[in-house]
């Protein structure tokens, strides 16, 4: 079941600043978001039902 994400302006700004400080994590973050959008409970994400 695919999901959608709504990016707030606050998140976008904080993400930009964080990526500038930690560019080595950008690829991992983007991969995790892609996986989450397609399969929110993928084992790699270590998510669980509440």
PDB file of N, CA and C in Angstrom:
ATOM      1  N   UNK A   1       0.840  -1.178   0.000  1.00  0.00           N
ATOM      2  CA  UNK A   1       0.000   0.000   0.000  1.00  0.00           C
ATOM      3  C   UNK A   1       0.889   1.247   0.000  1.00  0.00           C
ATOM      4  N   UNK A   2       0.990   1.945  -1.106  1.00  0.00           N
ATOM      5  CA  UNK A   2       1.807   3.157  -1.169  1.00  0.00           C
ATOM      6  C   UNK A   2       1.238   4.280  -0.296  1.00  0.00           C
ATOM      7  N   UNK A   3       2.108   5.088   0.222  1.00  0.00           N
ATOM      8  CA  UNK A   3       1.713   6.224   1.044  1.00  0.00           C
ATOM      9  C   UNK A   3       2.254   7.503   0.412  1.00  0.00           C
ATOM     10  N   UNK A   4       1.819   8.624   0.916  1.00  0.00           N
ATOM     11  CA  UNK A   4       2.350   9.901   0.443  1.00  0.00           C
ATOM     12  C   UNK A   4       2.907  10.678   1.630  1.00  0.00           C
ATOM     13  N   UNK A   5       3.816  11.551   1.346  1.00  0.00           N
ATOM     14  CA  UNK A   5       4.450  12.366   2.385  1.00  0.00           C
ATOM     15  C   UNK A   5       4.206  13.828   2.043  1.00  0.00           C
ATOM     16  N   UNK A   6       3.836  14.591   3.038  1.00  0.00           N
ATOM     17  CA  UNK A   6       3.660  16.029   2.865  1.00  0.00           C
ATOM     18  C   UNK A   6       4.847  16.708   3.545  1.00  0.00           C
ATOM     19  N   UNK A   7       5.639  17.402   2.758  1.00  0.00           N
ATOM     20  CA  UNK A   7       6.822  18.084   3.282  1.00  0.00           C
ATOM     21  C   UNK A   7       6.445  19.505   3.683  1.00  0.00           C
ATOM     22  N   UNK A   8       6.593  19.834   4.941  1.00  0.00           N
ATOM     23  CA  UNK A   8       6.319  21.202   5.379  1.00  0.00           C
ATOM     24  C   UNK A   8       7.516  22.088   5.057  1.00  0.00           C
ATOM     25  N   UNK A   9       7.300  23.377   5.029  1.00  0.00           N
ATOM     26  CA  UNK A   9       8.393  24.309   4.770  1.00  0.00           C
ATOM     27  C   UNK A   9       9.447  24.216   5.878  1.00  0.00           C
ATOM     28  N   UNK A  10       9.003  24.017   7.094  1.00  0.00           N
ATOM     29  CA  UNK A  10       9.937  23.890   8.213  1.00  0.00           C
ATOM     30  C   UNK A  10      10.841  22.682   8.006  1.00  0.00           C
ATOM     31  N   UNK A  11      10.248  21.564   7.633  1.00  0.00           N
ATOM     32  CA  UNK A  11      11.048  20.368   7.388  1.00  0.00           C
ATOM     33  C   UNK A  11      12.030  20.594   6.242  1.00  0.00           C
ATOM     34  N   UNK A  12      11.563  21.180   5.173  1.00  0.00           N
ATOM     35  CA  UNK A  12      12.430  21.419   4.015  1.00  0.00           C
ATOM     36  C   UNK A  12      13.651  22.248   4.402  1.00  0.00           C
ATOM     37  N   UNK A  13      13.430  23.295   5.188  1.00  0.00           N
ATOM     38  CA  UNK A  13      14.536  24.153   5.614  1.00  0.00           C
ATOM     39  C   UNK A  13      15.506  23.396   6.521  1.00  0.00           C
ATOM     40  N   UNK A  14      14.970  22.645   7.462  1.00  0.00           N
ATOM     41  CA  UNK A  14      15.836  21.893   8.374  1.00  0.00           C
ATOM     42  C   UNK A  14      16.598  20.799   7.634  1.00  0.00           C
ATOM     43  N   UNK A  15      15.941  20.181   6.668  1.00  0.00           N
ATOM     44  CA  UNK A  15      16.598  19.145   5.872  1.00  0.00           C
ATOM     45  C   UNK A  15      17.770  19.734   5.090  1.00  0.00           C
ATOM     46  N   UNK A  16      17.564  20.868   4.469  1.00  0.00           N
ATOM     47  CA  UNK A  16      18.635  21.516   3.702  1.00  0.00           C
ATOM     48  C   UNK A  16      19.842  21.812   4.589  1.00  0.00           C
ATOM     49  N   UNK A  17      19.591  22.334   5.779  1.00  0.00           N
ATOM     50  CA  UNK A  17      20.683  22.647   6.696  1.00  0.00           C
ATOM     51  C   UNK A  17      21.384  21.371   7.162  1.00  0.00           C
ATOM     52  N   UNK A  18      20.601  20.351   7.454  1.00  0.00           N
ATOM     53  CA  UNK A  18      21.168  19.096   7.943  1.00  0.00           C
ATOM     54  C   UNK A  18      22.022  18.435   6.874  1.00  0.00           C
ATOM     55  N   UNK A  19      21.552  18.441   5.634  1.00  0.00           N
ATOM     56  CA  UNK A  19      22.293  17.835   4.525  1.00  0.00           C
ATOM     57  C   UNK A  19      23.607  18.584   4.269  1.00  0.00           C
ATOM     58  N   UNK A  20      23.597  19.879   4.468  1.00  0.00           N
ATOM     59  CA  UNK A  20      24.847  20.623   4.302  1.00  0.00           C
ATOM     60  C   UNK A  20      25.891  20.177   5.326  1.00  0.00           C
ATOM     61  N   UNK A  21      25.432  19.867   6.540  1.00  0.00           N
ATOM     62  CA  UNK A  21      26.343  19.417   7.595  1.00  0.00           C
ATOM     63  C   UNK A  21      26.708  17.943   7.449  1.00  0.00           C
ATOM     64  N   UNK A  22      25.805  17.138   6.882  1.00  0.00           N
ATOM     65  CA  UNK A  22      25.990  15.691   6.791  1.00  0.00           C
ATOM     66  C   UNK A  22      25.692  15.173   5.380  1.00  0.00           C
ATOM     67  N   UNK A  23      26.432  15.600   4.390  1.00  0.00           N
ATOM     68  CA  UNK A  23      26.129  15.192   3.006  1.00  0.00           C
ATOM     69  C   UNK A  23      26.264  13.686   2.775  1.00  0.00           C
ATOM     70  N   UNK A  24      27.018  13.013   3.613  1.00  0.00           N
ATOM     71  CA  UNK A  24      27.207  11.572   3.444  1.00  0.00           C
ATOM     72  C   UNK A  24      25.926  10.778   3.689  1.00  0.00           C
ATOM     73  N   UNK A  25      24.933  11.383   4.330  1.00  0.00           N
ATOM     74  CA  UNK A  25      23.686  10.683   4.619  1.00  0.00           C
ATOM     75  C   UNK A  25      22.578  10.930   3.593  1.00  0.00           C
ATOM     76  N   UNK A  26      22.807  11.802   2.660  1.00  0.00           N
ATOM     77  CA  UNK A  26      21.754  12.149   1.704  1.00  0.00           C
ATOM     78  C   UNK A  26      21.280  10.932   0.905  1.00  0.00           C
ATOM     79  N   UNK A  27      22.195  10.149   0.401  1.00  0.00           N
ATOM     80  CA  UNK A  27      21.820   8.982  -0.394  1.00  0.00           C
ATOM     81  C   UNK A  27      21.014   7.982   0.443  1.00  0.00           C
ATOM     82  N   UNK A  28      21.447   7.744   1.679  1.00  0.00           N
ATOM     83  CA  UNK A  28      20.721   6.821   2.558  1.00  0.00           C
ATOM     84  C   UNK A  28      19.321   7.328   2.872  1.00  0.00           C
ATOM     85  N   UNK A  29      19.222   8.618   3.126  1.00  0.00           N
ATOM     86  CA  UNK A  29      17.916   9.211   3.426  1.00  0.00           C
ATOM     87  C   UNK A  29      16.967   9.058   2.240  1.00  0.00           C
ATOM     88  N   UNK A  30      17.446   9.383   1.062  1.00  0.00           N
ATOM     89  CA  UNK A  30      16.604   9.292  -0.131  1.00  0.00           C
ATOM     90  C   UNK A  30      16.182   7.850  -0.406  1.00  0.00           C
ATOM     91  N   UNK A  31      17.077   6.917  -0.193  1.00  0.00           N
ATOM     92  CA  UNK A  31      16.733   5.508  -0.379  1.00  0.00           C
ATOM     93  C   UNK A  31      15.663   5.072   0.624  1.00  0.00           C
ATOM     94  N   UNK A  32      15.824   5.493   1.865  1.00  0.00           N
ATOM     95  CA  UNK A  32      14.841   5.139   2.897  1.00  0.00           C
ATOM     96  C   UNK A  32      13.466   5.721   2.579  1.00  0.00           C
ATOM     97  N   UNK A  33      13.431   6.933   2.081  1.00  0.00           N
ATOM     98  CA  UNK A  33      12.156   7.556   1.715  1.00  0.00           C
ATOM     99  C   UNK A  33      11.506   6.803   0.567  1.00  0.00           C
ATOM    100  N   UNK A  34      12.298   6.432  -0.433  1.00  0.00           N
ATOM    101  CA  UNK A  34      11.753   5.652  -1.561  1.00  0.00           C
ATOM    102  C   UNK A  34      11.154   4.332  -1.073  1.00  0.00           C
ATOM    103  N   UNK A  35      11.861   3.648  -0.194  1.00  0.00           N
ATOM    104  CA  UNK A  35      11.358   2.378   0.329  1.00  0.00           C
ATOM    105  C   UNK A  35      10.073   2.621   1.113  1.00  0.00           C
ATOM    106  N   UNK A  36      10.087   3.638   1.974  1.00  0.00           N
ATOM    107  CA  UNK A  36       8.913   3.937   2.796  1.00  0.00           C
ATOM    108  C   UNK A  36       7.687   4.241   1.948  1.00  0.00           C
ATOM    109  N   UNK A  37       7.866   4.989   0.885  1.00  0.00           N
ATOM    110  CA  UNK A  37       6.735   5.342   0.033  1.00  0.00           C
ATOM    111  C   UNK A  37       6.103   4.120  -0.616  1.00  0.00           C
ATOM    112  N   UNK A  38       6.898   3.122  -0.928  1.00  0.00           N
ATOM    113  CA  UNK A  38       6.388   1.921  -1.579  1.00  0.00           C
ATOM    114  C   UNK A  38       5.950   0.836  -0.600  1.00  0.00           C
ATOM    115  N   UNK A  39       6.661   0.738   0.517  1.00  0.00           N
ATOM    116  CA  UNK A  39       6.349  -0.316   1.483  1.00  0.00           C
ATOM    117  C   UNK A  39       6.711   0.174   2.890  1.00  0.00           C
ATOM    118  N   UNK A  40       5.778   0.796   3.602  1.00  0.00           N
ATOM    119  CA  UNK A  40       6.070   1.415   4.895  1.00  0.00           C
ATOM    120  C   UNK A  40       6.603   0.464   5.974  1.00  0.00           C
ATOM    121  N   UNK A  41       6.325  -0.819   5.850  1.00  0.00           N
ATOM    122  CA  UNK A  41       6.776  -1.753   6.883  1.00  0.00           C
ATOM    123  C   UNK A  41       7.922  -2.644   6.399  1.00  0.00           C
ATOM    124  N   UNK A  42       8.689  -2.148   5.458  1.00  0.00           N
ATOM    125  CA  UNK A  42       9.840  -2.900   4.951  1.00  0.00           C
ATOM    126  C   UNK A  42      10.812  -3.167   6.119  1.00  0.00           C
ATOM    127  N   UNK A  43      11.365  -4.368   6.218  1.00  0.00           N
ATOM    128  CA  UNK A  43      12.262  -4.708   7.332  1.00  0.00           C
ATOM    129  C   UNK A  43      13.470  -3.777   7.471  1.00  0.00           C
ATOM    130  N   UNK A  44      13.965  -3.266   6.378  1.00  0.00           N
ATOM    131  CA  UNK A  44      15.129  -2.371   6.453  1.00  0.00           C
ATOM    132  C   UNK A  44      14.817  -1.114   7.254  1.00  0.00           C
ATOM    133  N   UNK A  45      13.571  -0.687   7.247  1.00  0.00           N
ATOM    134  CA  UNK A  45      13.182   0.539   7.936  1.00  0.00           C
ATOM    135  C   UNK A  45      12.999   0.356   9.437  1.00  0.00           C
ATOM    136  N   UNK A  46      12.826  -0.872   9.855  1.00  0.00           N
ATOM    137  CA  UNK A  46      12.622  -1.210  11.274  1.00  0.00           C
ATOM    138  C   UNK A  46      11.395  -0.491  11.845  1.00  0.00           C
ATOM    139  N   UNK A  47      10.343  -0.384  11.047  1.00  0.00           N
ATOM    140  CA  UNK A  47       9.098   0.209  11.526  1.00  0.00           C
ATOM    141  C   UNK A  47       8.192  -0.903  12.051  1.00  0.00           C
ATOM    142  N   UNK A  48       7.160  -0.525  12.769  1.00  0.00           N
ATOM    143  CA  UNK A  48       6.223  -1.513  13.296  1.00  0.00           C
ATOM    144  C   UNK A  48       4.861  -0.866  13.472  1.00  0.00           C
ATOM    145  N   UNK A  49       3.851  -1.680  13.559  1.00  0.00           N
ATOM    146  CA  UNK A  49       2.506  -1.181  13.791  1.00  0.00           C
ATOM    147  C   UNK A  49       2.399  -0.709  15.234  1.00  0.00           C
ATOM    148  N   UNK A  50       1.605   0.318  15.451  1.00  0.00           N
ATOM    149  CA  UNK A  50       1.391   0.821  16.804  1.00  0.00           C
ATOM    150  C   UNK A  50       0.215   0.153  17.444  1.00  0.00           C
TER     151      UNK A  50
END
